[in-house]
């Protein structure tokens, strides 16, 4: 989409301004310390890198020569550009003029060797492990009153949205009265406004106005978890790996619990079988003991009967002998 730049050109500090930056030498927690003024750190000292863009790969990057050649093939530049390798995922791209810087940054993403390289504006707070959630996006203002299709008016209307950067060429040429498209630097972590109320103050009359609808085009993804540009939390490979590990842990716990229940059931089954076996043994012993007792009692009864019979016989023999002796005596 053609655009007209309205941002002020970046001013590179002169040698005299750089020399005015003075640091204070001291110690902090026992460590030798150099303290700069924050205004210098984020001001004069930052200016030398204001045209630097960080090319971020979510996976290990291609070789730097392939990045250079593909970049020059895809991006038309008016000036020169320098490439510097930061690490296996980040490449610094230093442009020689503001227009090239804007054209490169506004592209947001270039595909090189099948990998996406996301463009991020360099800042003094750059950290290789964290992407900055700031990106240029097209903000659309449908049915914006035609007389407001002008940069001084439009940029004030968009201040609640973000930092206005540039106009669509159609606004400047007034060839699309139904829509105003403006490039705006937005914070991807903040809620996106879908409307702005434009008030009109009348002298001696109540405030009037209208609601202006706000739309967005191709907002880039940003992952709040790993803090990377180009993916959201649904695509985050770190979260995906974490989910896989947690799922494996849950499966392991479930299997252990299942094995524990099975083991308990087996133990309970063994205990039940043992109790049944013990009961059966007792029953068998009981049943086995009863006939023995009967046999013993029967034997005892037999012995008693035999004993009684012997005594009776002996008594009879004795009585018979006594009778026989008495008879012999009578005969004599």
C-alpha atoms as a PDB file:
ATOM      1  CA  UNK A   1       0.000   0.000   0.000  1.00  0.00           C
ATOM      2  CA  UNK A   2       1.616   3.297  -1.061  1.00  0.00           C
ATOM      3  CA  UNK A   3       2.335   5.710   1.720  1.00  0.00           C
ATOM      4  CA  UNK A   4       3.531   9.207   2.318  1.00  0.00           C
ATOM      5  CA  UNK A   5       5.980   9.659   5.161  1.00  0.00           C
ATOM      6  CA  UNK A   6       5.177  12.453   7.537  1.00  0.00           C
ATOM      7  CA  UNK A   7       7.544  11.559  10.357  1.00  0.00           C
ATOM      8  CA  UNK A   8      10.411  13.896  11.041  1.00  0.00           C
ATOM      9  CA  UNK A   9      13.836  12.770   9.878  1.00  0.00           C
ATOM     10  CA  UNK A  10      16.155  11.236  12.380  1.00  0.00           C
ATOM     11  CA  UNK A  11      18.908  13.550  13.494  1.00  0.00           C
ATOM     12  CA  UNK A  12      22.284  11.949  14.030  1.00  0.00           C
ATOM     13  CA  UNK A  13      24.093  13.662  16.919  1.00  0.00           C
ATOM     14  CA  UNK A  14      27.250  15.544  16.151  1.00  0.00           C
ATOM     15  CA  UNK A  15      30.613  14.770  17.725  1.00  0.00           C
ATOM     16  CA  UNK A  16      30.231  17.808  19.988  1.00  0.00           C
ATOM     17  CA  UNK A  17      26.940  16.492  21.411  1.00  0.00           C
ATOM     18  CA  UNK A  18      28.478  13.089  22.002  1.00  0.00           C
ATOM     19  CA  UNK A  19      31.356  14.660  23.879  1.00  0.00           C
ATOM     20  CA  UNK A  20      28.887  16.370  26.214  1.00  0.00           C
ATOM     21  CA  UNK A  21      27.640  13.042  27.504  1.00  0.00           C
ATOM     22  CA  UNK A  22      29.437  12.666  30.813  1.00  0.00           C
ATOM     23  CA  UNK A  23      29.150   9.651  33.114  1.00  0.00           C
ATOM     24  CA  UNK A  24      29.740   9.679  36.844  1.00  0.00           C
ATOM     25  CA  UNK A  25      32.252   7.207  38.275  1.00  0.00           C
ATOM     26  CA  UNK A  26      31.245   5.636  41.579  1.00  0.00           C
ATOM     27  CA  UNK A  27      30.560   2.292  43.231  1.00  0.00           C
ATOM     28  CA  UNK A  28      27.324   0.385  43.744  1.00  0.00           C
ATOM     29  CA  UNK A  29      27.090  -2.511  46.204  1.00  0.00           C
ATOM     30  CA  UNK A  30      30.859  -2.628  46.251  1.00  0.00           C
ATOM     31  CA  UNK A  31      31.127  -2.847  42.435  1.00  0.00           C
ATOM     32  CA  UNK A  32      32.807  -0.131  40.314  1.00  0.00           C
ATOM     33  CA  UNK A  33      29.969   1.736  38.611  1.00  0.00           C
ATOM     34  CA  UNK A  34      29.487   4.124  35.688  1.00  0.00           C
ATOM     35  CA  UNK A  35      26.254   6.156  35.814  1.00  0.00           C
ATOM     36  CA  UNK A  36      24.796   7.903  32.731  1.00  0.00           C
ATOM     37  CA  UNK A  37      21.876  10.271  32.738  1.00  0.00           C
ATOM     38  CA  UNK A  38      18.735   8.526  31.513  1.00  0.00           C
ATOM     39  CA  UNK A  39      18.049  11.494  29.241  1.00  0.00           C
ATOM     40  CA  UNK A  40      21.405  10.893  27.518  1.00  0.00           C
ATOM     41  CA  UNK A  41      21.030   7.110  27.440  1.00  0.00           C
ATOM     42  CA  UNK A  42      17.624   7.306  25.737  1.00  0.00           C
ATOM     43  CA  UNK A  43      18.464  10.479  23.843  1.00  0.00           C
ATOM     44  CA  UNK A  44      21.815  11.410  22.315  1.00  0.00           C
ATOM     45  CA  UNK A  45      23.323   7.953  22.837  1.00  0.00           C
ATOM     46  CA  UNK A  46      20.335   6.279  21.152  1.00  0.00           C
ATOM     47  CA  UNK A  47      20.395   8.428  18.026  1.00  0.00           C
ATOM     48  CA  UNK A  48      23.277   6.547  16.412  1.00  0.00           C
ATOM     49  CA  UNK A  49      21.089   3.424  16.222  1.00  0.00           C
ATOM     50  CA  UNK A  50      17.745   5.014  15.336  1.00  0.00           C
ATOM     51  CA  UNK A  51      17.822   3.423  11.868  1.00  0.00           C
ATOM     52  CA  UNK A  52      18.592  -0.043  13.138  1.00  0.00           C
ATOM     53  CA  UNK A  53      16.112  -2.873  12.715  1.00  0.00           C
ATOM     54  CA  UNK A  54      16.356  -6.279  14.367  1.00  0.00           C
ATOM     55  CA  UNK A  55      15.469  -9.204  12.131  1.00  0.00           C
ATOM     56  CA  UNK A  56      14.096 -11.916  14.414  1.00  0.00           C
ATOM     57  CA  UNK A  57      13.868 -15.601  13.495  1.00  0.00           C
ATOM     58  CA  UNK A  58      11.733 -17.898  15.628  1.00  0.00           C
ATOM     59  CA  UNK A  59      13.981 -20.797  14.572  1.00  0.00           C
ATOM     60  CA  UNK A  60      17.757 -20.848  13.955  1.00  0.00           C
ATOM     61  CA  UNK A  61      18.462 -18.399  11.139  1.00  0.00           C
ATOM     62  CA  UNK A  62      19.976 -19.162   7.714  1.00  0.00           C
ATOM     63  CA  UNK A  63      23.543 -18.172   6.915  1.00  0.00           C
ATOM     64  CA  UNK A  64      24.117 -14.428   6.840  1.00  0.00           C
ATOM     65  CA  UNK A  65      25.111 -14.443   3.130  1.00  0.00           C
ATOM     66  CA  UNK A  66      21.765 -15.987   2.198  1.00  0.00           C
ATOM     67  CA  UNK A  67      19.969 -13.403   4.334  1.00  0.00           C
ATOM     68  CA  UNK A  68      21.794 -10.536   2.595  1.00  0.00           C
ATOM     69  CA  UNK A  69      21.131 -11.767  -0.932  1.00  0.00           C
ATOM     70  CA  UNK A  70      17.453 -12.589  -0.350  1.00  0.00           C
ATOM     71  CA  UNK A  71      16.867  -9.316   1.476  1.00  0.00           C
ATOM     72  CA  UNK A  72      18.257  -7.227  -1.380  1.00  0.00           C
ATOM     73  CA  UNK A  73      16.183  -9.276  -3.807  1.00  0.00           C
ATOM     74  CA  UNK A  74      12.919  -8.612  -1.942  1.00  0.00           C
ATOM     75  CA  UNK A  75      13.416  -5.054  -0.685  1.00  0.00           C
ATOM     76  CA  UNK A  76      14.062  -2.068  -2.930  1.00  0.00           C
ATOM     77  CA  UNK A  77      16.492   0.281  -1.220  1.00  0.00           C
ATOM     78  CA  UNK A  78      17.601   3.769  -2.133  1.00  0.00           C
ATOM     79  CA  UNK A  79      20.641   3.739   0.102  1.00  0.00           C
ATOM     80  CA  UNK A  80      22.958   1.173   1.611  1.00  0.00           C
ATOM     81  CA  UNK A  81      22.229  -1.364   4.313  1.00  0.00           C
ATOM     82  CA  UNK A  82      24.533  -3.218   6.692  1.00  0.00           C
ATOM     83  CA  UNK A  83      23.895  -6.629   8.241  1.00  0.00           C
ATOM     84  CA  UNK A  84      25.335  -7.764  11.548  1.00  0.00           C
ATOM     85  CA  UNK A  85      24.880 -11.132  13.244  1.00  0.00           C
ATOM     86  CA  UNK A  86      23.809 -10.888  16.874  1.00  0.00           C
ATOM     87  CA  UNK A  87      23.189 -14.575  17.570  1.00  0.00           C
ATOM     88  CA  UNK A  88      21.571 -17.621  15.934  1.00  0.00           C
ATOM     89  CA  UNK A  89      18.130 -15.966  15.994  1.00  0.00           C
ATOM     90  CA  UNK A  90      18.721 -12.218  15.610  1.00  0.00           C
ATOM     91  CA  UNK A  91      20.266 -10.127  12.857  1.00  0.00           C
ATOM     92  CA  UNK A  92      20.829  -6.357  13.011  1.00  0.00           C
ATOM     93  CA  UNK A  93      19.945  -4.397   9.868  1.00  0.00           C
ATOM     94  CA  UNK A  94      21.302  -0.849   9.767  1.00  0.00           C
ATOM     95  CA  UNK A  95      19.816   1.455   7.120  1.00  0.00           C
ATOM     96  CA  UNK A  96      21.519   4.559   5.820  1.00  0.00           C
ATOM     97  CA  UNK A  97      18.392   6.737   5.461  1.00  0.00           C
ATOM     98  CA  UNK A  98      14.974   7.193   7.032  1.00  0.00           C
ATOM     99  CA  UNK A  99      12.979   6.143   3.969  1.00  0.00           C
ATOM    100  CA  UNK A 100      14.715   2.774   3.714  1.00  0.00           C
ATOM    101  CA  UNK A 101      14.325   2.305   7.437  1.00  0.00           C
ATOM    102  CA  UNK A 102      10.580   2.898   7.213  1.00  0.00           C
ATOM    103  CA  UNK A 103      10.151   0.677   4.169  1.00  0.00           C
ATOM    104  CA  UNK A 104      11.958  -2.194   5.848  1.00  0.00           C
ATOM    105  CA  UNK A 105      10.237  -1.830   9.214  1.00  0.00           C
ATOM    106  CA  UNK A 106       6.796  -1.455   7.670  1.00  0.00           C
ATOM    107  CA  UNK A 107       7.160  -4.769   5.870  1.00  0.00           C
ATOM    108  CA  UNK A 108       7.114  -6.451   9.311  1.00  0.00           C
ATOM    109  CA  UNK A 109       8.098  -9.867   7.945  1.00  0.00           C
ATOM    110  CA  UNK A 110      10.248 -11.332   5.166  1.00  0.00           C
ATOM    111  CA  UNK A 111      10.489 -15.027   4.365  1.00  0.00           C
ATOM    112  CA  UNK A 112      14.041 -16.262   3.790  1.00  0.00           C
ATOM    113  CA  UNK A 113      14.931 -19.903   3.113  1.00  0.00           C
ATOM    114  CA  UNK A 114      11.466 -20.970   4.272  1.00  0.00           C
ATOM    115  CA  UNK A 115      11.852 -19.132   7.597  1.00  0.00           C
ATOM    116  CA  UNK A 116      10.075 -15.979   8.702  1.00  0.00           C
ATOM    117  CA  UNK A 117      12.230 -13.021   9.695  1.00  0.00           C
ATOM    118  CA  UNK A 118      10.167 -10.535  11.712  1.00  0.00           C
ATOM    119  CA  UNK A 119      11.181  -6.879  11.716  1.00  0.00           C
ATOM    120  CA  UNK A 120      11.441  -5.102  15.021  1.00  0.00           C
ATOM    121  CA  UNK A 121      12.610  -1.576  15.598  1.00  0.00           C
ATOM    122  CA  UNK A 122      15.712  -1.532  17.748  1.00  0.00           C
ATOM    123  CA  UNK A 123      15.523   0.183  21.148  1.00  0.00           C
ATOM    124  CA  UNK A 124      18.077   0.644  23.960  1.00  0.00           C
ATOM    125  CA  UNK A 125      16.057  -1.893  25.953  1.00  0.00           C
ATOM    126  CA  UNK A 126      16.528  -4.625  23.343  1.00  0.00           C
ATOM    127  CA  UNK A 127      16.853  -8.122  24.795  1.00  0.00           C
ATOM    128  CA  UNK A 128      17.457 -11.086  22.471  1.00  0.00           C
ATOM    129  CA  UNK A 129      15.190 -13.343  24.495  1.00  0.00           C
ATOM    130  CA  UNK A 130      12.269 -10.875  24.449  1.00  0.00           C
ATOM    131  CA  UNK A 131      10.525  -9.267  21.524  1.00  0.00           C
ATOM    132  CA  UNK A 132       9.149  -5.774  21.969  1.00  0.00           C
ATOM    133  CA  UNK A 133       5.329  -5.754  21.581  1.00  0.00           C
ATOM    134  CA  UNK A 134       5.406  -2.674  19.339  1.00  0.00           C
ATOM    135  CA  UNK A 135       4.562  -2.920  15.644  1.00  0.00           C
ATOM    136  CA  UNK A 136       3.380  -0.662  12.796  1.00  0.00           C
ATOM    137  CA  UNK A 137      -0.136  -1.506  11.590  1.00  0.00           C
ATOM    138  CA  UNK A 138      -2.599   0.029   9.192  1.00  0.00           C
ATOM    139  CA  UNK A 139      -5.491   1.708  11.004  1.00  0.00           C
ATOM    140  CA  UNK A 140      -8.603   2.247   8.884  1.00  0.00           C
ATOM    141  CA  UNK A 141     -11.051   5.067   9.464  1.00  0.00           C
ATOM    142  CA  UNK A 142     -14.163   4.299   7.388  1.00  0.00           C
ATOM    143  CA  UNK A 143     -16.404   7.232   6.429  1.00  0.00           C
ATOM    144  CA  UNK A 144     -14.136   9.765   8.071  1.00  0.00           C
ATOM    145  CA  UNK A 145     -15.414  13.206   7.057  1.00  0.00           C
ATOM    146  CA  UNK A 146     -13.585  14.179   3.892  1.00  0.00           C
ATOM    147  CA  UNK A 147     -12.323  17.495   5.186  1.00  0.00           C
ATOM    148  CA  UNK A 148     -10.482  15.587   7.940  1.00  0.00           C
ATOM    149  CA  UNK A 149      -8.357  13.652   5.420  1.00  0.00           C
ATOM    150  CA  UNK A 150      -5.340  15.683   6.397  1.00  0.00           C
ATOM    151  CA  UNK A 151      -2.334  14.766   8.493  1.00  0.00           C
ATOM    152  CA  UNK A 152      -2.612  17.506  11.181  1.00  0.00           C
ATOM    153  CA  UNK A 153      -6.206  16.409  11.890  1.00  0.00           C
ATOM    154  CA  UNK A 154      -5.862  12.660  11.476  1.00  0.00           C
ATOM    155  CA  UNK A 155      -2.826  12.284  13.726  1.00  0.00           C
ATOM    156  CA  UNK A 156      -4.670  13.929  16.627  1.00  0.00           C
ATOM    157  CA  UNK A 157      -7.627  11.619  16.149  1.00  0.00           C
ATOM    158  CA  UNK A 158      -5.315   8.572  16.333  1.00  0.00           C
ATOM    159  CA  UNK A 159      -3.319   9.505  19.449  1.00  0.00           C
ATOM    160  CA  UNK A 160      -5.556   7.264  21.642  1.00  0.00           C
ATOM    161  CA  UNK A 161      -4.704   4.363  19.298  1.00  0.00           C
ATOM    162  CA  UNK A 162      -0.919   4.715  19.222  1.00  0.00           C
ATOM    163  CA  UNK A 163       1.793   6.764  17.548  1.00  0.00           C
ATOM    164  CA  UNK A 164       0.799   7.916  14.019  1.00  0.00           C
ATOM    165  CA  UNK A 165       3.586   7.259  11.525  1.00  0.00           C
ATOM    166  CA  UNK A 166       2.481   7.899   7.962  1.00  0.00           C
ATOM    167  CA  UNK A 167      -0.457   8.436   5.635  1.00  0.00           C
ATOM    168  CA  UNK A 168      -1.752   6.305   2.831  1.00  0.00           C
ATOM    169  CA  UNK A 169      -0.980   8.003  -0.477  1.00  0.00           C
ATOM    170  CA  UNK A 170      -4.700   8.032  -1.250  1.00  0.00           C
ATOM    171  CA  UNK A 171      -5.270  10.476   1.612  1.00  0.00           C
ATOM    172  CA  UNK A 172      -2.668  12.862   0.304  1.00  0.00           C
ATOM    173  CA  UNK A 173      -4.049  12.689  -3.235  1.00  0.00           C
ATOM    174  CA  UNK A 174      -7.695  12.683  -2.007  1.00  0.00           C
ATOM    175  CA  UNK A 175      -8.590   9.788  -4.288  1.00  0.00           C
ATOM    176  CA  UNK A 176     -10.427   7.629  -1.734  1.00  0.00           C
ATOM    177  CA  UNK A 177     -12.943   9.762   0.142  1.00  0.00           C
ATOM    178  CA  UNK A 178     -14.705   6.784   1.777  1.00  0.00           C
ATOM    179  CA  UNK A 179     -11.748   5.625   3.848  1.00  0.00           C
ATOM    180  CA  UNK A 180      -8.656   7.043   5.523  1.00  0.00           C
ATOM    181  CA  UNK A 181      -5.739   4.646   6.063  1.00  0.00           C
ATOM    182  CA  UNK A 182      -2.978   5.629   8.457  1.00  0.00           C
ATOM    183  CA  UNK A 183       0.104   3.733   9.590  1.00  0.00           C
ATOM    184  CA  UNK A 184       0.200   3.702  13.393  1.00  0.00           C
ATOM    185  CA  UNK A 185       2.702   2.273  15.854  1.00  0.00           C
ATOM    186  CA  UNK A 186       0.625   0.285  18.351  1.00  0.00           C
ATOM    187  CA  UNK A 187       1.316  -1.657  21.509  1.00  0.00           C
ATOM    188  CA  UNK A 188       0.187  -5.230  20.858  1.00  0.00           C
ATOM    189  CA  UNK A 189      -0.417  -5.860  24.555  1.00  0.00           C
ATOM    190  CA  UNK A 190      -2.913  -3.063  24.995  1.00  0.00           C
ATOM    191  CA  UNK A 191      -6.643  -3.449  24.229  1.00  0.00           C
ATOM    192  CA  UNK A 192      -7.488  -2.231  20.728  1.00  0.00           C
ATOM    193  CA  UNK A 193     -10.022   0.561  20.518  1.00  0.00           C
ATOM    194  CA  UNK A 194     -12.774   0.096  17.950  1.00  0.00           C
ATOM    195  CA  UNK A 195     -14.127   3.620  18.095  1.00  0.00           C
ATOM    196  CA  UNK A 196     -13.206   7.195  18.997  1.00  0.00           C
ATOM    197  CA  UNK A 197     -15.675   9.937  19.808  1.00  0.00           C
ATOM    198  CA  UNK A 198     -14.976  13.213  18.013  1.00  0.00           C
ATOM    199  CA  UNK A 199     -16.436  16.133  19.939  1.00  0.00           C
ATOM    200  CA  UNK A 200     -17.391  19.547  18.625  1.00  0.00           C
ATOM    201  CA  UNK A 201     -17.529  22.451  21.048  1.00  0.00           C
ATOM    202  CA  UNK A 202     -19.887  25.243  20.079  1.00  0.00           C
ATOM    203  CA  UNK A 203     -19.794  28.689  21.586  1.00  0.00           C
ATOM    204  CA  UNK A 204     -22.686  28.976  23.976  1.00  0.00           C
ATOM    205  CA  UNK A 205     -24.115  25.591  22.953  1.00  0.00           C
ATOM    206  CA  UNK A 206     -23.910  22.012  24.307  1.00  0.00           C
ATOM    207  CA  UNK A 207     -21.132  19.732  23.137  1.00  0.00           C
ATOM    208  CA  UNK A 208     -21.956  17.725  20.019  1.00  0.00           C
ATOM    209  CA  UNK A 209     -19.994  15.236  17.964  1.00  0.00           C
ATOM    210  CA  UNK A 210     -19.915  11.855  16.280  1.00  0.00           C
ATOM    211  CA  UNK A 211     -18.479   8.372  16.783  1.00  0.00           C
ATOM    212  CA  UNK A 212     -15.649   7.433  14.438  1.00  0.00           C
ATOM    213  CA  UNK A 213     -15.276   3.707  13.771  1.00  0.00           C
ATOM    214  CA  UNK A 214     -11.725   2.298  13.943  1.00  0.00           C
ATOM    215  CA  UNK A 215     -10.568  -0.864  12.156  1.00  0.00           C
ATOM    216  CA  UNK A 216      -7.209  -2.662  11.946  1.00  0.00           C
ATOM    217  CA  UNK A 217      -5.517  -4.513   9.135  1.00  0.00           C
ATOM    218  CA  UNK A 218      -3.163  -7.508   9.517  1.00  0.00           C
ATOM    219  CA  UNK A 219      -2.196  -7.106  13.145  1.00  0.00           C
ATOM    220  CA  UNK A 220       0.897  -9.246  13.857  1.00  0.00           C
ATOM    221  CA  UNK A 221       0.832 -11.937  16.507  1.00  0.00           C
ATOM    222  CA  UNK A 222       2.640 -11.568  19.810  1.00  0.00           C
ATOM    223  CA  UNK A 223       3.057 -14.285  22.435  1.00  0.00           C
ATOM    224  CA  UNK A 224       2.647 -13.039  25.983  1.00  0.00           C
ATOM    225  CA  UNK A 225       4.322 -16.165  27.352  1.00  0.00           C
ATOM    226  CA  UNK A 226       7.613 -16.316  25.464  1.00  0.00           C
ATOM    227  CA  UNK A 227       7.443 -12.623  24.450  1.00  0.00           C
ATOM    228  CA  UNK A 228       8.083 -13.262  20.773  1.00  0.00           C
ATOM    229  CA  UNK A 229       6.754 -11.401  17.762  1.00  0.00           C
ATOM    230  CA  UNK A 230       5.169 -13.531  15.028  1.00  0.00           C
ATOM    231  CA  UNK A 231       3.328 -16.078  17.169  1.00  0.00           C
ATOM    232  CA  UNK A 232       0.638 -16.114  19.828  1.00  0.00           C
ATOM    233  CA  UNK A 233       0.062 -18.346  22.825  1.00  0.00           C
ATOM    234  CA  UNK A 234      -1.736 -20.914  20.673  1.00  0.00           C
ATOM    235  CA  UNK A 235       1.362 -21.265  18.469  1.00  0.00           C
ATOM    236  CA  UNK A 236       3.970 -20.961  21.219  1.00  0.00           C
ATOM    237  CA  UNK A 237       6.329 -23.954  20.987  1.00  0.00           C
ATOM    238  CA  UNK A 238       7.457 -23.384  24.584  1.00  0.00           C
ATOM    239  CA  UNK A 239       3.883 -23.693  25.852  1.00  0.00           C
ATOM    240  CA  UNK A 240       3.327 -26.661  23.542  1.00  0.00           C
ATOM    241  CA  UNK A 241       6.373 -28.419  24.968  1.00  0.00           C
ATOM    242  CA  UNK A 242       5.141 -27.584  28.467  1.00  0.00           C
ATOM    243  CA  UNK A 243       1.707 -29.015  27.657  1.00  0.00           C
ATOM    244  CA  UNK A 244       3.310 -32.209  26.308  1.00  0.00           C
ATOM    245  CA  UNK A 245       5.419 -32.611  29.458  1.00  0.00           C
ATOM    246  CA  UNK A 246       2.385 -32.020  31.709  1.00  0.00           C
ATOM    247  CA  UNK A 247       0.325 -34.493  29.668  1.00  0.00           C
ATOM    248  CA  UNK A 248       3.055 -37.119  30.060  1.00  0.00           C
ATOM    249  CA  UNK A 249       3.136 -36.472  33.802  1.00  0.00           C
ATOM    250  CA  UNK A 250      -0.628 -36.855  34.054  1.00  0.00           C
ATOM    251  CA  UNK A 251      -0.499 -40.083  32.037  1.00  0.00           C
ATOM    252  CA  UNK A 252       2.257 -41.394  34.288  1.00  0.00           C
ATOM    253  CA  UNK A 253       0.232 -40.536  37.413  1.00  0.00           C
ATOM    254  CA  UNK A 254      -2.868 -42.180  35.929  1.00  0.00           C
ATOM    255  CA  UNK A 255      -0.930 -45.330  35.065  1.00  0.00           C
ATOM    256  CA  UNK A 256       0.601 -45.487  38.529  1.00  0.00           C
ATOM    257  CA  UNK A 257      -2.802 -45.006  40.123  1.00  0.00           C
ATOM    258  CA  UNK A 258      -4.272 -47.697  37.870  1.00  0.00           C
ATOM    259  CA  UNK A 259      -1.444 -50.063  38.689  1.00  0.00           C
ATOM    260  CA  UNK A 260      -1.950 -49.322  42.392  1.00  0.00           C
ATOM    261  CA  UNK A 261      -5.664 -50.120  42.173  1.00  0.00           C
ATOM    262  CA  UNK A 262      -4.940 -53.317  40.264  1.00  0.00           C
ATOM    263  CA  UNK A 263      -2.334 -54.319  42.824  1.00  0.00           C
ATOM    264  CA  UNK A 264      -4.739 -53.602  45.674  1.00  0.00           C
ATOM    265  CA  UNK A 265      -7.449 -55.582  43.939  1.00  0.00           C
ATOM    266  CA  UNK A 266      -5.060 -58.487  43.455  1.00  0.00           C
ATOM    267  CA  UNK A 267      -3.991 -58.300  47.076  1.00  0.00           C
ATOM    268  CA  UNK A 268      -7.613 -58.191  48.183  1.00  0.00           C
ATOM    269  CA  UNK A 269      -8.361 -61.129  45.909  1.00  0.00           C
ATOM    270  CA  UNK A 270      -5.451 -63.082  47.337  1.00  0.00           C
ATOM    271  CA  UNK A 271      -6.582 -62.250  50.861  1.00  0.00           C
ATOM    272  CA  UNK A 272     -10.134 -63.361  50.043  1.00  0.00           C
ATOM    273  CA  UNK A 273      -8.867 -66.581  48.499  1.00  0.00           C
ATOM    274  CA  UNK A 274      -6.683 -67.171  51.536  1.00  0.00           C
ATOM    275  CA  UNK A 275      -9.619 -66.566  53.856  1.00  0.00           C
ATOM    276  CA  UNK A 276     -11.775 -68.896  51.778  1.00  0.00           C
ATOM    277  CA  UNK A 277      -9.024 -71.495  51.841  1.00  0.00           C
ATOM    278  CA  UNK A 278      -8.628 -71.129  55.579  1.00  0.00           C
ATOM    279  CA  UNK A 279     -12.380 -71.485  56.046  1.00  0.00           C
ATOM    280  CA  UNK A 280     -12.362 -74.536  53.812  1.00  0.00           C
ATOM    281  CA  UNK A 281      -9.485 -76.049  55.757  1.00  0.00           C
ATOM    282  CA  UNK A 282     -11.307 -75.400  59.017  1.00  0.00           C
ATOM    283  CA  UNK A 283     -14.430 -76.994  57.638  1.00  0.00           C
ATOM    284  CA  UNK A 284     -12.483 -79.972  56.396  1.00  0.00           C
ATOM    285  CA  UNK A 285     -10.722 -80.277  59.719  1.00  0.00           C
ATOM    286  CA  UNK A 286     -14.052 -80.015  61.507  1.00  0.00           C
ATOM    287  CA  UNK A 287     -15.616 -82.597  59.304  1.00  0.00           C
ATOM    288  CA  UNK A 288     -12.539 -84.775  59.621  1.00  0.00           C
ATOM    289  CA  UNK A 289     -12.582 -84.358  63.401  1.00  0.00           C
ATOM    290  CA  UNK A 290     -16.192 -85.448  63.850  1.00  0.00           C
ATOM    291  CA  UNK A 291     -15.838 -89.039  62.555  1.00  0.00           C
ATOM    292  CA  UNK A 292     -12.718 -89.490  64.634  1.00  0.00           C
ATOM    293  CA  UNK A 293     -14.639 -88.405  67.699  1.00  0.00           C
ATOM    294  CA  UNK A 294     -17.398 -90.848  66.812  1.00  0.00           C
ATOM    295  CA  UNK A 295     -14.893 -93.591  66.273  1.00  0.00           C
ATOM    296  CA  UNK A 296     -13.262 -92.797  69.562  1.00  0.00           C
ATOM    297  CA  UNK A 297     -16.599 -92.777  71.320  1.00  0.00           C
ATOM    298  CA  UNK A 298     -17.601 -95.981  69.543  1.00  0.00           C
ATOM    299  CA  UNK A 299     -14.371 -97.629  70.530  1.00  0.00           C
ATOM    300  CA  UNK A 300     -14.869 -96.413  74.028  1.00  0.00           C
ATOM    301  CA  UNK A 301     -18.357 -97.805  74.069  1.00  0.00           C
ATOM    302  CA  UNK A 302     -17.068-101.106  72.695  1.00  0.00           C
ATOM    303  CA  UNK A 303     -14.432-101.287  75.360  1.00  0.00           C
ATOM    304  CA  UNK A 304     -17.034-100.563  78.019  1.00  0.00           C
ATOM    305  CA  UNK A 305     -19.290-103.249  76.635  1.00  0.00           C
ATOM    306  CA  UNK A 306     -16.444-105.709  76.522  1.00  0.00           C
ATOM    307  CA  UNK A 307     -15.471-104.777  80.072  1.00  0.00           C
ATOM    308  CA  UNK A 308     -19.033-105.291  81.246  1.00  0.00           C
ATOM    309  CA  UNK A 309     -19.268-108.684  79.557  1.00  0.00           C
ATOM    310  CA  UNK A 310     -16.024-109.888  81.164  1.00  0.00           C
ATOM    311  CA  UNK A 311     -17.139-108.864  84.627  1.00  0.00           C
ATOM    312  CA  UNK A 312     -20.475-110.532  84.156  1.00  0.00           C
ATOM    313  CA  UNK A 313     -18.845-113.706  82.995  1.00  0.00           C
ATOM    314  CA  UNK A 314     -16.386-113.656  85.879  1.00  0.00           C
ATOM    315  CA  UNK A 315     -19.176-113.076  88.339  1.00  0.00           C
ATOM    316  CA  UNK A 316     -21.137-115.923  86.849  1.00  0.00           C
ATOM    317  CA  UNK A 317     -18.099-118.165  87.044  1.00  0.00           C
ATOM    318  CA  UNK A 318     -17.538-117.210  90.645  1.00  0.00           C
ATOM    319  CA  UNK A 319     -21.174-117.850  91.541  1.00  0.00           C
ATOM    320  CA  UNK A 320     -21.116-121.138  89.700  1.00  0.00           C
ATOM    321  CA  UNK A 321     -17.991-122.190  91.527  1.00  0.00           C
ATOM    322  CA  UNK A 322     -19.538-121.244  94.860  1.00  0.00           C
ATOM    323  CA  UNK A 323     -22.677-123.229  94.031  1.00  0.00           C
ATOM    324  CA  UNK A 324     -20.573-126.187  92.989  1.00  0.00           C
ATOM    325  CA  UNK A 325     -18.621-126.109  96.276  1.00  0.00           C
ATOM    326  CA  UNK A 326     -21.865-125.886  98.239  1.00  0.00           C
ATOM    327  CA  UNK A 327     -23.246-128.927  96.419  1.00  0.00           C
ATOM    328  CA  UNK A 328     -20.105-130.924  97.138  1.00  0.00           C
ATOM    329  CA  UNK A 329     -20.344-129.976 100.795  1.00  0.00           C
ATOM    330  CA  UNK A 330     -23.944-131.131 100.966  1.00  0.00           C
ATOM    331  CA  UNK A 331     -23.059-134.417  99.395  1.00  0.00           C
ATOM    332  CA  UNK A 332     -20.434-135.121 101.966  1.00  0.00           C
END
